[in-house]
Amino acid sequence: MLSEPNQYRRPSLYSEVSLCLFISEFAFFYTLNYTQFKS
């Protein structure tokens, strides 16, 4: 599956960036809901 790292280098970077965006978005909504629930 990962026998050719050069081929999977660019998609892995793209998936890593999308994962960071997903985590930041999830953390944003989590903190938003937490502050609304706390107040």
PDB file of N, CA and C in Angstrom:
ATOM      1  N   MET A   1       0.838  -1.201   0.000  1.00  0.00           N
ATOM      2  CA  MET A   1       0.000   0.000   0.000  1.00  0.00           C
ATOM      3  C   MET A   1       0.882   1.263   0.000  1.00  0.00           C
ATOM      4  N   LEU A   2       1.840   1.307   0.923  1.00  0.00           N
ATOM      5  CA  LEU A   2       2.726   2.466   0.976  1.00  0.00           C
ATOM      6  C   LEU A   2       4.083   2.135   0.367  1.00  0.00           C
ATOM      7  N   SER A   3       4.052   1.338  -0.701  1.00  0.00           N
ATOM      8  CA  SER A   3       5.296   0.938  -1.352  1.00  0.00           C
ATOM      9  C   SER A   3       5.909   2.101  -2.135  1.00  0.00           C
ATOM     10  N   GLU A   4       5.091   3.090  -2.495  1.00  0.00           N
ATOM     11  CA  GLU A   4       5.599   4.266  -3.220  1.00  0.00           C
ATOM     12  C   GLU A   4       5.294   5.532  -2.419  1.00  0.00           C
ATOM     13  N   PRO A   5       6.207   5.927  -1.526  1.00  0.00           N
ATOM     14  CA  PRO A   5       5.962   7.093  -0.668  1.00  0.00           C
ATOM     15  C   PRO A   5       5.883   8.403  -1.455  1.00  0.00           C
ATOM     16  N   ASN A   6       6.583   8.469  -2.608  1.00  0.00           N
ATOM     17  CA  ASN A   6       6.559   9.694  -3.406  1.00  0.00           C
ATOM     18  C   ASN A   6       5.163   9.965  -3.965  1.00  0.00           C
ATOM     19  N   GLN A   7       4.420   8.908  -4.224  1.00  0.00           N
ATOM     20  CA  GLN A   7       3.077   9.069  -4.776  1.00  0.00           C
ATOM     21  C   GLN A   7       2.088   9.487  -3.688  1.00  0.00           C
ATOM     22  N   TYR A   8       2.348   9.038  -2.460  1.00  0.00           N
ATOM     23  CA  TYR A   8       1.415   9.320  -1.377  1.00  0.00           C
ATOM     24  C   TYR A   8       1.844  10.535  -0.547  1.00  0.00           C
ATOM     25  N   ARG A   9       2.896  11.194  -0.974  1.00  0.00           N
ATOM     26  CA  ARG A   9       3.386  12.327  -0.184  1.00  0.00           C
ATOM     27  C   ARG A   9       2.419  13.508  -0.262  1.00  0.00           C
ATOM     28  N   ARG A  10       1.955  13.833  -1.477  1.00  0.00           N
ATOM     29  CA  ARG A  10       1.078  14.995  -1.641  1.00  0.00           C
ATOM     30  C   ARG A  10      -0.326  14.757  -1.070  1.00  0.00           C
ATOM     31  N   PRO A  11      -0.978  13.607  -1.318  1.00  0.00           N
ATOM     32  CA  PRO A  11      -2.298  13.369  -0.723  1.00  0.00           C
ATOM     33  C   PRO A  11      -2.247  13.289   0.807  1.00  0.00           C
ATOM     34  N   SER A  12      -1.161  12.785   1.362  1.00  0.00           N
ATOM     35  CA  SER A  12      -1.051  12.698   2.816  1.00  0.00           C
ATOM     36  C   SER A  12      -0.958  14.098   3.422  1.00  0.00           C
ATOM     37  N   LEU A  13      -0.269  14.998   2.717  1.00  0.00           N
ATOM     38  CA  LEU A  13      -0.170  16.380   3.169  1.00  0.00           C
ATOM     39  C   LEU A  13      -1.535  17.050   3.105  1.00  0.00           C
ATOM     40  N   TYR A  14      -2.280  16.763   2.030  1.00  0.00           N
ATOM     41  CA  TYR A  14      -3.619  17.329   1.876  1.00  0.00           C
ATOM     42  C   TYR A  14      -4.551  16.807   2.962  1.00  0.00           C
ATOM     43  N   SER A  15      -4.462  15.516   3.257  1.00  0.00           N
ATOM     44  CA  SER A  15      -5.317  14.933   4.296  1.00  0.00           C
ATOM     45  C   SER A  15      -4.916  15.464   5.670  1.00  0.00           C
ATOM     46  N   GLU A  16      -3.639  15.737   5.848  1.00  0.00           N
ATOM     47  CA  GLU A  16      -3.173  16.266   7.131  1.00  0.00           C
ATOM     48  C   GLU A  16      -3.692  17.683   7.349  1.00  0.00           C
ATOM     49  N   VAL A  17      -3.683  18.494   6.296  1.00  0.00           N
ATOM     50  CA  VAL A  17      -4.208  19.860   6.392  1.00  0.00           C
ATOM     51  C   VAL A  17      -5.711  19.843   6.632  1.00  0.00           C
ATOM     52  N   SER A  18      -6.415  18.968   5.916  1.00  0.00           N
ATOM     53  CA  SER A  18      -7.868  18.881   6.101  1.00  0.00           C
ATOM     54  C   SER A  18      -8.200  18.373   7.492  1.00  0.00           C
ATOM     55  N   LEU A  19      -7.360  17.490   8.027  1.00  0.00           N
ATOM     56  CA  LEU A  19      -7.575  16.986   9.382  1.00  0.00           C
ATOM     57  C   LEU A  19      -7.368  18.104  10.401  1.00  0.00           C
ATOM     58  N   CYS A  20      -6.359  18.942  10.185  1.00  0.00           N
ATOM     59  CA  CYS A  20      -6.119  20.071  11.086  1.00  0.00           C
ATOM     60  C   CYS A  20      -7.283  21.055  11.031  1.00  0.00           C
ATOM     61  N   LEU A  21      -7.818  21.301   9.839  1.00  0.00           N
ATOM     62  CA  LEU A  21      -8.962  22.196   9.701  1.00  0.00           C
ATOM     63  C   LEU A  21     -10.186  21.611  10.393  1.00  0.00           C
ATOM     64  N   PHE A  22     -10.371  20.292  10.285  1.00  0.00           N
ATOM     65  CA  PHE A  22     -11.509  19.634  10.917  1.00  0.00           C
ATOM     66  C   PHE A  22     -11.397  19.701  12.436  1.00  0.00           C
ATOM     67  N   ILE A  23     -10.190  19.505  12.962  1.00  0.00           N
ATOM     68  CA  ILE A  23      -9.980  19.551  14.412  1.00  0.00           C
ATOM     69  C   ILE A  23     -10.176  20.972  14.928  1.00  0.00           C
ATOM     70  N   SER A  24      -9.669  21.956  14.190  1.00  0.00           N
ATOM     71  CA  SER A  24      -9.820  23.347  14.623  1.00  0.00           C
ATOM     72  C   SER A  24     -11.285  23.761  14.565  1.00  0.00           C
ATOM     73  N   GLU A  25     -12.003  23.297  13.550  1.00  0.00           N
ATOM     74  CA  GLU A  25     -13.417  23.619  13.421  1.00  0.00           C
ATOM     75  C   GLU A  25     -14.219  22.957  14.542  1.00  0.00           C
ATOM     76  N   PHE A  26     -13.887  21.707  14.844  1.00  0.00           N
ATOM     77  CA  PHE A  26     -14.565  20.988  15.922  1.00  0.00           C
ATOM     78  C   PHE A  26     -14.286  21.651  17.275  1.00  0.00           C
ATOM     79  N   ALA A  27     -13.035  22.068  17.472  1.00  0.00           N
ATOM     80  CA  ALA A  27     -12.670  22.729  18.726  1.00  0.00           C
ATOM     81  C   ALA A  27     -13.370  24.084  18.852  1.00  0.00           C
ATOM     82  N   PHE A  28     -13.532  24.781  17.728  1.00  0.00           N
ATOM     83  CA  PHE A  28     -14.212  26.077  17.743  1.00  0.00           C
ATOM     84  C   PHE A  28     -15.674  25.919  18.153  1.00  0.00           C
ATOM     85  N   PHE A  29     -16.369  24.968  17.533  1.00  0.00           N
ATOM     86  CA  PHE A  29     -17.771  24.752  17.867  1.00  0.00           C
ATOM     87  C   PHE A  29     -17.917  24.195  19.280  1.00  0.00           C
ATOM     88  N   TYR A  30     -16.946  23.402  19.724  1.00  0.00           N
ATOM     89  CA  TYR A  30     -17.005  22.839  21.072  1.00  0.00           C
ATOM     90  C   TYR A  30     -16.870  23.942  22.113  1.00  0.00           C
ATOM     91  N   THR A  31     -15.914  24.839  21.915  1.00  0.00           N
ATOM     92  CA  THR A  31     -15.733  25.931  22.857  1.00  0.00           C
ATOM     93  C   THR A  31     -16.908  26.905  22.798  1.00  0.00           C
ATOM     94  N   LEU A  32     -17.466  27.094  21.603  1.00  0.00           N
ATOM     95  CA  LEU A  32     -18.617  27.989  21.453  1.00  0.00           C
ATOM     96  C   LEU A  32     -19.823  27.435  22.209  1.00  0.00           C
ATOM     97  N   ASN A  33     -20.095  26.151  22.023  1.00  0.00           N
ATOM     98  CA  ASN A  33     -21.210  25.523  22.722  1.00  0.00           C
ATOM     99  C   ASN A  33     -20.953  25.459  24.224  1.00  0.00           C
ATOM    100  N   TYR A  34     -19.696  25.287  24.617  1.00  0.00           N
ATOM    101  CA  TYR A  34     -19.366  25.200  26.036  1.00  0.00           C
ATOM    102  C   TYR A  34     -19.578  26.544  26.724  1.00  0.00           C
ATOM    103  N   THR A  35     -19.186  27.616  26.045  1.00  0.00           N
ATOM    104  CA  THR A  35     -19.357  28.947  26.646  1.00  0.00           C
ATOM    105  C   THR A  35     -20.839  29.306  26.705  1.00  0.00           C
ATOM    106  N   GLN A  36     -21.609  28.914  25.708  1.00  0.00           N
ATOM    107  CA  GLN A  36     -23.045  29.200  25.727  1.00  0.00           C
ATOM    108  C   GLN A  36     -23.742  28.386  26.816  1.00  0.00           C
ATOM    109  N   PHE A  37     -23.296  27.157  27.018  1.00  0.00           N
ATOM    110  CA  PHE A  37     -23.915  26.297  28.019  1.00  0.00           C
ATOM    111  C   PHE A  37     -23.518  26.752  29.422  1.00  0.00           C
ATOM    112  N   LYS A  38     -22.303  27.270  29.566  1.00  0.00           N
ATOM    113  CA  LYS A  38     -21.822  27.695  30.883  1.00  0.00           C
ATOM    114  C   LYS A  38     -22.513  28.986  31.309  1.00  0.00           C
ATOM    115  N   SER A  39     -22.758  29.883  30.364  1.00  0.00           N
ATOM    116  CA  SER A  39     -23.413  31.160  30.679  1.00  0.00           C
ATOM    117  C   SER A  39     -24.915  31.072  30.424  1.00  0.00           C
TER     118      SER A  39
END
